[in-house]
Protein backbone atom coordinates (compact mmCIF):
# COMPACT_ATOMS: atom_id res chain seq x y z
CA UNK A 1 41.30 -25.01 -12.70
CA UNK A 2 43.37 -25.40 -9.57
CA UNK A 3 46.54 -27.42 -9.81
CA UNK A 4 46.51 -29.07 -6.29
CA UNK A 5 43.13 -28.68 -4.54
CA UNK A 6 39.98 -30.54 -5.54
CA UNK A 7 36.48 -30.63 -4.00
CA UNK A 8 37.89 -32.01 -0.78
CA UNK A 9 41.53 -30.79 -0.27
CA UNK A 10 44.36 -32.28 -2.03
CA UNK A 11 44.09 -35.97 -2.88
CA UNK A 12 46.00 -38.70 -4.89
CA UNK A 13 48.17 -41.62 -4.89
CA UNK A 14 50.44 -41.75 -1.89
CA UNK A 15 54.11 -41.21 -2.86
CA UNK A 16 52.90 -40.58 -6.36
CA UNK A 17 50.83 -37.40 -6.06
CA UNK A 18 50.97 -36.92 -2.38
CA UNK A 19 54.67 -36.98 -1.85
CA UNK A 20 56.75 -35.84 1.14
CA UNK A 21 57.97 -32.88 -1.00
CA UNK A 22 54.44 -31.79 -1.59
CA UNK A 23 53.40 -32.16 2.03
CA UNK A 24 56.36 -30.18 3.21
CA UNK A 25 55.43 -27.37 0.67
CA UNK A 26 51.82 -27.50 1.70
CA UNK A 27 52.91 -27.17 5.41
CA UNK A 28 55.09 -24.22 4.61
CA UNK A 29 52.64 -22.50 2.39
CA UNK A 30 49.60 -22.99 4.59
CA UNK A 31 51.61 -22.01 7.57
CA UNK A 32 52.61 -18.66 6.00
CA UNK A 33 49.03 -17.91 4.90
CA UNK A 34 47.62 -18.49 8.42
CA UNK A 35 50.29 -16.61 10.37
CA UNK A 36 48.26 -13.62 11.28
CA UNK A 37 49.32 -11.43 14.21
CA UNK A 38 52.31 -11.65 16.66
CA UNK A 39 51.14 -14.54 18.85
CA UNK A 40 52.65 -18.00 18.74
CA UNK A 41 50.87 -19.87 15.98
CA UNK A 42 49.85 -23.50 16.18
CA UNK A 43 48.34 -26.17 13.92
CA UNK A 44 46.64 -29.38 14.86
CA UNK A 45 47.23 -32.47 12.64
CA UNK A 46 45.09 -35.58 12.67
CA UNK A 47 45.15 -38.67 10.40
CA UNK A 48 43.49 -41.80 9.44
CA UNK A 49 44.84 -45.23 9.53
CA UNK A 50 46.69 -45.41 6.16
CA UNK A 51 50.24 -46.55 6.11
CA UNK A 52 51.20 -43.39 4.20
CA UNK A 53 49.97 -41.15 7.08
CA UNK A 54 53.22 -41.51 8.86
CA UNK A 55 55.15 -40.23 5.89
CA UNK A 56 52.85 -37.31 5.12
CA UNK A 57 52.51 -36.34 8.90
CA UNK A 58 56.29 -36.18 9.26
CA UNK A 59 56.69 -34.05 6.11
CA UNK A 60 53.86 -31.62 7.26
CA UNK A 61 55.51 -31.26 10.54
CA UNK A 62 58.82 -30.31 8.92
CA UNK A 63 56.99 -27.81 6.72
CA UNK A 64 54.85 -26.18 9.55
CA UNK A 65 57.86 -25.95 12.04
CA UNK A 66 60.14 -24.58 9.35
CA UNK A 67 57.89 -21.44 9.09
CA UNK A 68 57.70 -21.08 12.88
CA UNK A 69 54.36 -22.88 13.62
CA UNK A 70 54.01 -25.23 16.62
CA UNK A 71 52.38 -28.45 15.76
CA UNK A 72 49.91 -30.50 17.95
CA UNK A 73 49.80 -34.11 16.76
CA UNK A 74 46.37 -35.89 17.38
CA UNK A 75 47.08 -39.28 15.78
CA UNK A 76 44.27 -41.29 14.20
CA UNK A 77 41.00 -39.38 14.69
CA UNK A 78 37.92 -38.71 12.61
CA UNK A 79 37.95 -35.58 10.35
CA UNK A 80 35.25 -33.88 12.42
CA UNK A 81 37.30 -34.30 15.52
CA UNK A 82 40.05 -32.35 13.83
CA UNK A 83 37.64 -29.62 12.93
CA UNK A 84 36.30 -29.67 16.46
CA UNK A 85 39.71 -29.62 18.14
CA UNK A 86 40.96 -26.86 15.87
CA UNK A 87 38.47 -24.54 17.46
CA UNK A 88 38.67 -25.96 20.97
CA UNK A 89 42.47 -25.79 21.19
CA UNK A 90 42.49 -22.31 19.75
CA UNK A 91 44.62 -23.36 16.81
CA UNK A 92 45.16 -21.21 13.71
CA UNK A 93 44.87 -24.16 11.46
CA UNK A 94 43.66 -27.76 11.39
CA UNK A 95 44.90 -30.53 9.06
CA UNK A 96 43.42 -33.96 8.34
CA UNK A 97 45.57 -36.51 6.49
CA UNK A 98 43.05 -38.66 4.73
CA UNK A 99 41.77 -39.79 1.37
CA UNK A 100 38.32 -40.40 3.06
CA UNK A 101 36.50 -43.44 1.29
CA UNK A 102 39.39 -44.05 -1.20
CA UNK A 103 41.65 -47.22 -0.89
CA UNK A 104 44.82 -47.23 1.23
CA UNK A 105 46.95 -46.49 -1.76
CA UNK A 106 45.62 -42.96 -1.83
CA UNK A 107 45.89 -40.23 0.63
CA UNK A 108 45.01 -36.57 1.00
CA UNK A 109 45.41 -33.39 2.92
CA UNK A 110 42.34 -31.45 4.16
CA UNK A 111 42.77 -27.99 5.71
CA UNK A 112 40.43 -26.28 8.27
CA UNK A 113 40.69 -22.67 9.21
CA UNK A 114 40.66 -21.51 12.93
CA UNK A 115 36.88 -21.44 12.99
CA UNK A 116 36.94 -25.27 12.14
CA UNK A 117 35.47 -24.79 8.59
CA UNK A 118 37.03 -26.09 5.48
CA UNK A 119 38.89 -23.44 3.59
CA UNK A 120 37.13 -21.48 0.83
CA UNK A 121 38.33 -21.44 -2.82
CA UNK A 122 40.12 -18.05 -2.38
CA UNK A 123 42.29 -19.20 0.43
CA UNK A 124 43.05 -22.44 -1.28
CA UNK A 125 44.31 -20.48 -4.27
CA UNK A 126 46.42 -18.30 -1.98
CA UNK A 127 48.10 -21.51 -0.71
CA UNK A 128 48.49 -22.88 -4.17
CA UNK A 129 50.26 -19.79 -5.32
CA UNK A 130 52.85 -20.28 -2.52
CA UNK A 131 53.35 -24.10 -3.09
CA UNK A 132 55.24 -23.58 -6.29
CA UNK A 133 57.29 -20.49 -5.20
CA UNK A 134 60.70 -20.59 -3.61
CA UNK A 135 60.14 -19.79 0.09
CA UNK A 136 63.70 -20.01 1.40
CA UNK A 137 63.75 -16.35 2.35
CA UNK A 138 60.45 -16.61 4.30
CA UNK A 139 61.46 -19.51 6.50
CA UNK A 140 61.78 -18.93 10.20
CA UNK A 141 65.05 -18.11 11.82
CA UNK A 142 66.81 -20.69 13.94
CA UNK A 143 65.37 -19.31 17.11
CA UNK A 144 61.87 -18.99 15.82
CA UNK A 145 61.32 -22.64 14.53
CA UNK A 146 58.23 -24.44 15.68
CA UNK A 147 57.88 -27.37 18.07
CA UNK A 148 55.91 -30.58 17.62
CA UNK A 149 53.95 -32.21 20.56
CA UNK A 150 51.70 -35.28 20.62
CA UNK A 151 48.46 -34.61 22.38
CA UNK A 152 46.95 -37.26 24.78
CA UNK A 153 43.28 -37.78 25.60
CA UNK A 154 42.12 -36.76 22.10
CA UNK A 155 39.72 -39.72 21.87
CA UNK A 156 38.13 -39.02 25.14
CA UNK A 157 37.54 -35.34 24.05
CA UNK A 158 35.76 -36.31 20.99
CA UNK A 159 33.71 -39.04 22.52
CA UNK A 160 32.53 -36.49 25.11
CA UNK A 161 31.72 -34.04 22.36
CA UNK A 162 29.69 -36.56 20.45
CA UNK A 163 27.70 -37.63 23.50
CA UNK A 164 26.91 -34.00 24.23
CA UNK A 165 25.08 -33.55 20.97
CA UNK A 166 22.27 -35.64 22.57
CA UNK A 167 20.24 -34.48 25.53
CA UNK A 168 21.26 -35.71 28.87
CA UNK A 169 18.11 -37.84 29.14
CA UNK A 170 18.81 -39.66 25.93
CA UNK A 171 20.20 -43.20 26.24
CA UNK A 172 20.52 -46.04 23.73
CA UNK A 173 19.59 -48.66 26.47
CA UNK A 174 17.97 -51.73 24.75
CA UNK A 175 19.39 -51.12 21.33
CA UNK A 176 21.70 -53.71 19.62
CA UNK A 177 23.96 -51.75 17.28
CA UNK A 178 26.44 -52.99 14.78
CA UNK A 179 28.97 -50.36 13.94
CA UNK A 180 31.45 -50.68 10.96
CA UNK A 181 34.37 -48.31 11.43
CA UNK A 182 35.96 -49.11 7.97
CA UNK A 183 39.38 -49.96 9.66
CA UNK A 184 39.66 -46.25 9.69
CA UNK A 185 39.90 -43.18 11.90
CA UNK A 186 36.85 -43.97 14.13
CA UNK A 187 37.88 -47.52 14.98
CA UNK A 188 38.10 -46.55 18.70
CA UNK A 189 35.78 -43.53 19.25
CA UNK A 190 32.70 -44.84 17.56
CA UNK A 191 32.19 -48.01 19.53
CA UNK A 192 33.11 -46.40 22.70
CA UNK A 193 30.62 -43.57 22.27
CA UNK A 194 27.82 -46.00 21.52
CA UNK A 195 28.70 -48.12 24.47
CA UNK A 196 28.90 -45.23 26.86
CA UNK A 197 25.43 -44.25 25.82
CA UNK A 198 24.12 -47.62 26.76
CA UNK A 199 23.89 -49.61 23.54
CA UNK A 200 24.87 -53.12 23.02
CA UNK A 201 27.66 -52.66 20.54
CA UNK A 202 29.00 -55.15 18.04
CA UNK A 203 31.97 -53.59 16.23
CA UNK A 204 33.50 -54.53 12.87
CA UNK A 205 36.09 -52.82 10.87
CA UNK A 206 38.18 -52.07 13.94
CA UNK A 207 41.45 -53.66 13.21
CA UNK A 208 43.42 -51.33 11.01
CA UNK A 209 46.79 -52.51 9.68
CA UNK A 210 47.66 -49.59 7.35
CA UNK A 211 46.44 -51.44 4.27
CA UNK A 212 42.80 -52.49 4.92
CA UNK A 213 41.05 -49.07 5.37
CA UNK A 214 37.81 -49.09 3.39
CA UNK A 215 38.48 -52.62 2.00
CA UNK A 216 35.29 -54.60 1.89
CA UNK A 217 34.06 -52.55 4.91
CA UNK A 218 32.51 -49.10 5.68
CA UNK A 219 30.04 -46.94 4.05
CA UNK A 220 31.12 -47.66 0.55
CA UNK A 221 31.03 -51.39 1.05
CA UNK A 222 28.11 -52.08 3.23
CA UNK A 223 27.71 -55.83 2.44
CA UNK A 224 29.74 -56.82 5.63
CA UNK A 225 27.58 -54.70 7.76
CA UNK A 226 24.36 -55.98 6.28
CA UNK A 227 25.50 -59.55 6.90
CA UNK A 228 26.48 -58.81 10.51
CA UNK A 229 23.13 -57.11 11.29
CA UNK A 230 21.28 -60.09 10.01
CA UNK A 231 23.52 -62.58 11.81
CA UNK A 232 23.27 -60.88 15.13
CA UNK A 233 19.63 -59.69 14.67
CA UNK A 234 20.71 -56.18 15.45
CA UNK A 235 18.33 -53.21 15.63
CA UNK A 236 20.45 -51.10 13.49
CA UNK A 237 23.81 -50.99 11.54
CA UNK A 238 25.98 -47.97 11.31
CA UNK A 239 28.71 -47.80 8.50
CA UNK A 240 31.36 -44.95 8.64
CA UNK A 241 33.87 -44.30 6.01
CA UNK A 242 37.71 -44.16 6.44
CA UNK A 243 37.75 -40.70 8.12
CA UNK A 244 34.18 -40.99 9.56
CA UNK A 245 32.83 -37.81 8.10
CA UNK A 246 30.05 -39.76 6.36
CA UNK A 247 27.62 -42.48 7.41
CA UNK A 248 25.13 -45.05 5.92
CA UNK A 249 22.67 -46.89 7.92
CA UNK A 250 21.44 -50.55 7.61
CA UNK A 251 17.99 -51.22 9.18
CA UNK A 252 16.96 -54.23 11.13
CA UNK A 253 15.95 -56.14 7.90
CA UNK A 254 19.29 -55.54 6.33
CA UNK A 255 18.20 -52.84 4.02
CA UNK A 256 20.78 -49.91 3.31
CA UNK A 257 19.46 -46.41 4.10
CA UNK A 258 21.32 -43.63 2.32
CA UNK A 259 21.96 -39.92 3.29
CA UNK A 260 18.77 -38.68 1.61
CA UNK A 261 16.52 -40.84 3.86
CA UNK A 262 18.56 -39.72 6.91
CA UNK A 263 18.21 -36.16 6.02
CA UNK A 264 14.42 -36.67 5.58
CA UNK A 265 14.23 -38.24 9.09
CA UNK A 266 16.25 -35.52 10.88
CA UNK A 267 14.42 -32.82 8.84
CA UNK A 268 11.06 -34.02 9.89
CA UNK A 269 11.96 -34.39 13.50
CA UNK A 270 13.67 -31.00 13.72
CA UNK A 271 10.60 -29.38 12.02
CA UNK A 272 8.35 -30.98 14.71
CA UNK A 273 10.66 -29.69 17.42
CA UNK A 274 11.00 -26.30 15.86
CA UNK A 275 14.77 -26.65 15.57
CA UNK A 276 15.14 -25.96 11.83
CA UNK A 277 16.75 -22.51 11.48
CA UNK A 278 15.22 -22.21 8.02
CA UNK A 279 12.11 -23.91 6.47
CA UNK A 280 14.27 -26.39 4.55
CA UNK A 281 17.49 -28.08 4.15
CA UNK A 282 20.48 -27.95 1.73
CA UNK A 283 21.60 -31.00 -0.48
CA UNK A 284 23.50 -31.37 -3.67
CA UNK A 285 22.41 -32.00 -7.28
CA UNK A 286 22.83 -35.78 -6.70
CA UNK A 287 20.09 -35.95 -3.99
CA UNK A 288 17.07 -37.92 -5.06
CA UNK A 289 14.01 -36.07 -6.54
CA UNK A 290 11.99 -38.23 -3.98
CA UNK A 291 13.67 -36.27 -1.08
CA UNK A 292 12.65 -33.12 -2.70
CA UNK A 293 9.12 -34.06 -3.10
CA UNK A 294 8.91 -35.46 0.41
CA UNK A 295 10.17 -32.22 1.96
CA UNK A 296 7.69 -30.20 -0.15
CA UNK A 297 4.93 -32.36 1.26
CA UNK A 298 5.75 -31.32 4.83
CA UNK A 299 6.21 -27.59 4.02
CA UNK A 300 10.03 -27.62 3.66
CA UNK A 301 12.23 -26.63 0.77
CA UNK A 302 15.30 -28.17 -0.67
CA UNK A 303 18.19 -25.99 -1.85
CA UNK A 304 20.66 -27.78 -4.12
CA UNK A 305 24.42 -27.11 -4.51
CA UNK A 306 27.28 -28.53 -6.48
CA UNK A 307 28.65 -31.86 -5.31
CA UNK A 308 30.84 -31.71 -2.24
CA UNK A 309 30.01 -31.18 1.44
CA UNK A 310 31.99 -27.90 1.38
CA UNK A 311 29.56 -26.34 -1.08
CA UNK A 312 26.61 -27.56 1.04
CA UNK A 313 28.15 -25.95 4.11
CA UNK A 314 28.92 -22.72 2.26
CA UNK A 315 25.27 -22.45 1.23
CA UNK A 316 24.10 -23.31 4.77
CA UNK A 317 26.32 -20.55 6.30
CA UNK A 318 25.35 -17.90 3.64
CA UNK A 319 21.57 -18.51 3.98
CA UNK A 320 21.28 -19.62 7.61
CA UNK A 321 20.46 -23.30 7.26
CA UNK A 322 21.42 -25.62 10.06
CA UNK A 323 20.80 -28.93 8.34
CA UNK A 324 22.27 -30.25 4.95
CA UNK A 325 24.14 -32.99 3.45
CA UNK A 326 24.83 -35.39 0.61
CA UNK A 327 23.25 -38.57 -0.51
CA UNK A 328 26.48 -40.32 0.15
CA UNK A 329 26.01 -39.72 3.87
CA UNK A 330 27.83 -36.48 4.50
CA UNK A 331 25.40 -34.89 6.98
CA UNK A 332 26.09 -31.47 8.38
CA UNK A 333 24.42 -30.28 11.51
CA UNK A 334 25.77 -26.83 12.12
CA UNK A 335 24.29 -26.52 15.53
CA UNK A 336 26.97 -29.08 16.56
CA UNK A 337 29.70 -29.36 13.87
CA UNK A 338 31.45 -27.44 11.10
CA UNK A 339 31.74 -30.48 8.73
CA UNK A 340 30.09 -33.72 8.08
CA UNK A 341 30.19 -36.04 10.99
CA UNK A 342 29.04 -39.59 10.53
CA UNK A 343 28.83 -40.50 14.26
CA UNK A 344 26.89 -37.39 15.32
CA UNK A 345 24.43 -37.97 12.40
CA UNK A 346 24.08 -41.49 13.55
CA UNK A 347 23.27 -40.33 17.16
CA UNK A 348 20.72 -38.00 15.97
CA UNK A 349 18.98 -40.82 14.06
CA UNK A 350 19.11 -43.12 17.14
CA UNK A 351 17.48 -40.51 19.31
CA UNK A 352 14.67 -40.32 16.98
CA UNK A 353 14.31 -44.11 16.90
CA UNK A 354 14.34 -44.18 20.83
CA UNK A 355 11.79 -41.43 21.00
CA UNK A 356 9.45 -43.03 18.49
CA UNK A 357 9.97 -46.49 19.79
CA UNK A 358 9.58 -47.87 16.20
CA UNK A 359 11.85 -50.09 14.07
CA UNK A 360 14.60 -48.32 12.20
CA UNK A 361 13.00 -49.72 8.88
CA UNK A 362 9.84 -47.66 9.68
CA UNK A 363 11.60 -44.55 10.97
CA UNK A 364 13.91 -44.35 7.94
CA UNK A 365 11.34 -44.99 5.20
CA UNK A 366 10.19 -41.41 4.66
CA UNK A 367 9.86 -41.67 0.88
CA UNK A 368 10.22 -44.10 -2.04
CA UNK A 369 13.29 -42.96 -4.00
CA UNK A 370 12.70 -42.33 -7.77
CA UNK A 371 14.83 -44.68 -9.97
CA UNK A 372 18.13 -43.16 -10.15
CA UNK A 373 21.01 -44.54 -12.35
CA UNK A 374 24.65 -43.35 -11.90
CA UNK A 375 27.49 -44.57 -14.11
CA UNK A 376 31.15 -43.50 -14.28
CA UNK A 377 33.29 -43.14 -17.31
CA UNK A 378 37.11 -43.08 -16.74
CA UNK A 379 39.25 -41.04 -19.11
CA UNK A 380 42.90 -40.33 -19.37
CA UNK A 381 43.17 -36.80 -20.61
CA UNK A 382 41.34 -34.04 -22.42
CA UNK A 383 37.78 -32.75 -21.95
CA UNK A 384 35.34 -35.34 -23.32
CA UNK A 385 32.36 -33.26 -22.20
CA UNK A 386 33.37 -30.46 -24.80
CA UNK A 387 32.93 -32.85 -27.77
CA UNK A 388 29.98 -31.95 -30.03
CA UNK A 389 28.75 -35.45 -29.98
CA UNK A 390 28.56 -35.44 -26.10
CA UNK A 391 26.85 -32.07 -26.00
CA UNK A 392 24.24 -33.26 -28.45
CA UNK A 393 23.72 -36.52 -26.52
CA UNK A 394 23.15 -34.56 -23.26
CA UNK A 395 20.69 -32.15 -24.88
CA UNK A 396 18.64 -35.11 -26.39
CA UNK A 397 18.67 -36.96 -23.04
CA UNK A 398 17.35 -33.77 -21.25
CA UNK A 399 14.56 -33.46 -23.85
CA UNK A 400 13.62 -37.02 -23.36
CA UNK A 401 13.32 -36.83 -19.60
CA UNK A 402 11.38 -33.55 -19.71
CA UNK A 403 9.86 -32.36 -16.54
CA UNK A 404 9.50 -35.78 -14.96
CA UNK A 405 13.25 -36.37 -14.34
CA UNK A 406 16.64 -34.88 -14.05
CA UNK A 407 20.16 -35.41 -15.71
CA UNK A 408 23.31 -34.52 -13.93
CA UNK A 409 26.73 -34.73 -15.78
CA UNK A 410 29.75 -33.72 -13.85
CA UNK A 411 33.55 -34.56 -13.78
CA UNK A 412 34.80 -35.85 -10.46
CA UNK A 413 36.74 -33.48 -8.21
CA UNK A 414 39.01 -36.30 -6.86
CA UNK A 415 39.70 -38.65 -9.89
CA UNK A 416 39.72 -38.66 -13.65
CA UNK A 417 36.09 -39.77 -13.92
CA UNK A 418 32.93 -38.29 -15.42
CA UNK A 419 29.80 -39.17 -13.53
CA UNK A 420 26.54 -39.52 -15.46
CA UNK A 421 23.28 -39.60 -13.38
CA UNK A 422 19.70 -39.53 -14.25
CA UNK A 423 16.47 -40.05 -12.31
CA UNK A 424 12.82 -40.08 -13.11
CA UNK A 425 9.54 -41.71 -12.78
CA UNK A 426 10.28 -44.20 -15.71
CA UNK A 427 13.17 -46.55 -14.82
CA UNK A 428 13.36 -47.83 -18.36
CA UNK A 429 13.69 -44.24 -19.84
CA UNK A 430 16.24 -43.29 -17.11
CA UNK A 431 18.41 -46.37 -18.00
CA UNK A 432 18.25 -45.63 -21.71
CA UNK A 433 19.16 -42.06 -21.18
CA UNK A 434 22.25 -42.82 -18.98
CA UNK A 435 23.48 -45.56 -21.35
CA UNK A 436 23.28 -43.18 -24.43
CA UNK A 437 25.13 -40.47 -22.68
CA UNK A 438 27.77 -42.86 -21.26
CA UNK A 439 28.21 -44.29 -24.69
CA UNK A 440 28.86 -40.82 -26.13
CA UNK A 441 31.30 -39.86 -23.37
CA UNK A 442 33.17 -43.18 -23.72
CA UNK A 443 33.66 -42.60 -27.52
CA UNK A 444 34.79 -39.12 -26.95
CA UNK A 445 37.13 -40.16 -24.23
CA UNK A 446 38.75 -42.74 -26.43
């Protein structure tokens, strides 16, 4: 078990877990780990729109500059923009201050290497080892301290990057698009990108105030987008999350389309265009069995990983895949990006919609998802999954599902929650199985 890093960086309550002291130490530790060679080292730092971003940003700057790294401040930008700019600006390290889809009270620190990819477990352990060590003797001398500089035109750079993921002949002319930016990091760049590509854009979730990120908007709360799509009779709705690395779609009928259907659409399109680097895609253990069956029907495989887009990406890199993602809407297209990018994924879908000249509801209905039930059990301490009663309940549940379904039990990597998910052809059986396991875990957690 790691002390600080979870499945997606370091995350927790702002000024509770994510304190200025911790941010300072993370800056110093990461800065020392990534000082390789004699050149002047630099780090880029982006953030979402949480109030606590100011506090954490300032503390990180102090940490990095104290070990001799120059800091380039990007301001509020999507997580994939930080990954892209880390490479583009030849930085040694990239940092995104965000807790993604969590409420404003939380925040987090995500780190990217000079190649724009999230750090692997080994490097995170190396940074963790330094966080709790006295580093006074390793700080830079007075003449070697780093400088901090705010970078202009960041938004224009990312907008241009996103547009270039489409062919020059692709336009969104004639499409009425509602985009929900979750009052988060993409509140400027997403509407602007869609507008520059020719769409009629109706934007919501574009008035961040430091407190309203993800509040009743964004990919984790699509009701507002559904209502606006129906009200404006839009062709499509696009919902990003707080740091814009994930996306959900709402079709013209107001129905929500998740990441599994998006991956199916893109996988089929790329197969037809001979753009898939491997005969299949990568997804997590949470993706619906219906996706796996659909892909098999068109001659493609589905490789599954642990939950977390970093694990999807690691498998993609190791085995040569160029498409993968999560049901939650993290879609990774490694021909373009080194992390999930909600806007780029939406643009790829829109290009398919334009080419096929069919409604989004038809384009995005590749398969009927199998009944899938997910419930969360919150606990305070201990390891409920190790209790004999829980182990027995899980074994019995798997026996009942047999070959016609799946059961996935996992602790969250970002909060004290155990997630219980089952799917299968029989909804009644799936519901019973989940309830029995949840009851066992709840009793053990108490």
